[in-house]
Amino acid sequence: MRAQTLTTATRVSMPLLDRSAKMVDKTQVAPGDNLRYTIQIANASPYTISDALLTDPIPDHTSYVPGSVVGATYNAALSRIEWRGTLPPAPTSRDTFDWIDATSGRQLSLTDDSCSGPLDLGFSFKFYDGVYTQIYVNSNGMVLFDRCNTSYSNVPIPNAAEPNNFVAPLWDDLTPGSGGVYYATFGTAPNRYAVVEWHNVSFYGASLPQTFEVILYEGSNSVVFQYLSLSGSQGSGSSATVGIENRTGSAGVQYLYNGSPLEHTLYNGLVVELEHDSTRRSPSSEGSTSRRGPGRRGSDHASAHTQPPSPRPGSRTKSRDPFLSGGAAPSCSLAATTQACPSTSRM
C-alpha cells in the first residue's frame, strides 16, 4: 500500500486597517465654506475584525455641520466622528507547501543552547521598524535580528523581556544532536530569499528527529515557516512558541504557545506565513492551489485614527511564490461635513 502525504497551509496575520483612506473634497477653503470628508475603512487582513474602531477628530479651524455624518456618529463632547463595527476579511490566495532544501548551504557550528552570527542575508529585510542585512540563528529554533540569544525557555508573544526582535518557527529546548542547522540564500535580486533549516534536530533529552525551516523573502519582507518532518508531542508544539516579535517586545504575532490553540498544532507538510507591519502585498495577484489548513484568528480587535496610512506599494514577483493575496479589501465608508471658521484654513 502506497502512503499518501497531505499538505496544508495557514496564513497568520495581524488585524490590519492600513488600506484605509481619508479624503476631502477641497484642499483650500474660504471662511464659511463646507468641506466633505469621506473615510473608507478597509480590512487588509484575511480574517474578520469583529470590533474595529475608528475615531476622527474634527479638523482644527472647522466646525461640524449638524446632521451631516453618514455611517457613523458624532461625539459632541469630544468633537470627533466615531465608528465601531465588523469588517469582513480580505480575499486571499491559497498557499501551498514547497519545501526548500538548505542542506546544500552552510552548516552552522551550533551545539546545545548556542547561537551563530551575524550571518549575511545578501539583501535588506524590513521587519517591523528596522531594516536588516544580517541575522543570528540559535539552536533553539529562533532567528534573531539584533543579537545572539540562546534562551531555551519559551514564553508567550509579545513579551518585553529578552529575547526580542525574532522569528521563531519552533522555539523550544532543542539540540542539533546528530542533525544540524543550515543556512543558504537563493534567487537573484530583487527576488532573493534566505532559508534557515533545522535538519533532524531533537529536543533536549530526547532522540526523535525534527526538520523545519524559516524563509525570509526579499522585497515582500514575508516570513514563512515550513514543517517537513515532526515527531512526538513536542514536535507538534506542545512545549514551544511559534511566532514573531518586534524589537521592544511590545507587538508580535503568536501562532502557537505550548500547544494552544489546539487547532494550530504543528504537523508534517504545514506552511505558515506570518504577516507583520512591514509585509508588502500585491493588490491583485494570484497564488497557486493547495489544501488549506485552519487560519489564525489572533486578536480580533483593531483601531484606526484620523488619516490612516495609505496602502504600501510593492508585490511579490517570484513565480514560485505562493503567498500573494488578491482582490480589494472589504470596507465600509462614512462621511461628514465641516464648515471652515472665519480663519481660512488649508486642509
Foldseek 3Di string as FASTA:
>chain_A
DDDDDAFAEAEAEDWDQQQKFKDWPDQWDAFFDKIKIKIKGFTAAQAKQAWEKEKEADDPQWAFDPPFKDQFDADPVRRITIDIGMFHGAFFAGFFFDDDDQPVADFDPAWFLDKDDQDAQVAWADDAPDIARTWMDHQQFKIAGPDDGRDQQDDEALDQDPDFRIFGQWGHRKGLVVHTWGKDWDDDPPWIKIKIWSFQIGHVPDRGGWIKMWIATHFQRKIKIAGADADDQVSQPQATWGWHGHRRSPDITTQDHNCPPVQSGDDHNYMYIYDDPSGAADAADHFDDHHHGDYDPGNSYDYDYPGRHHHDDTHNDDPNDRGHTYDGGGIDMMMTMIGRHNDIDGD
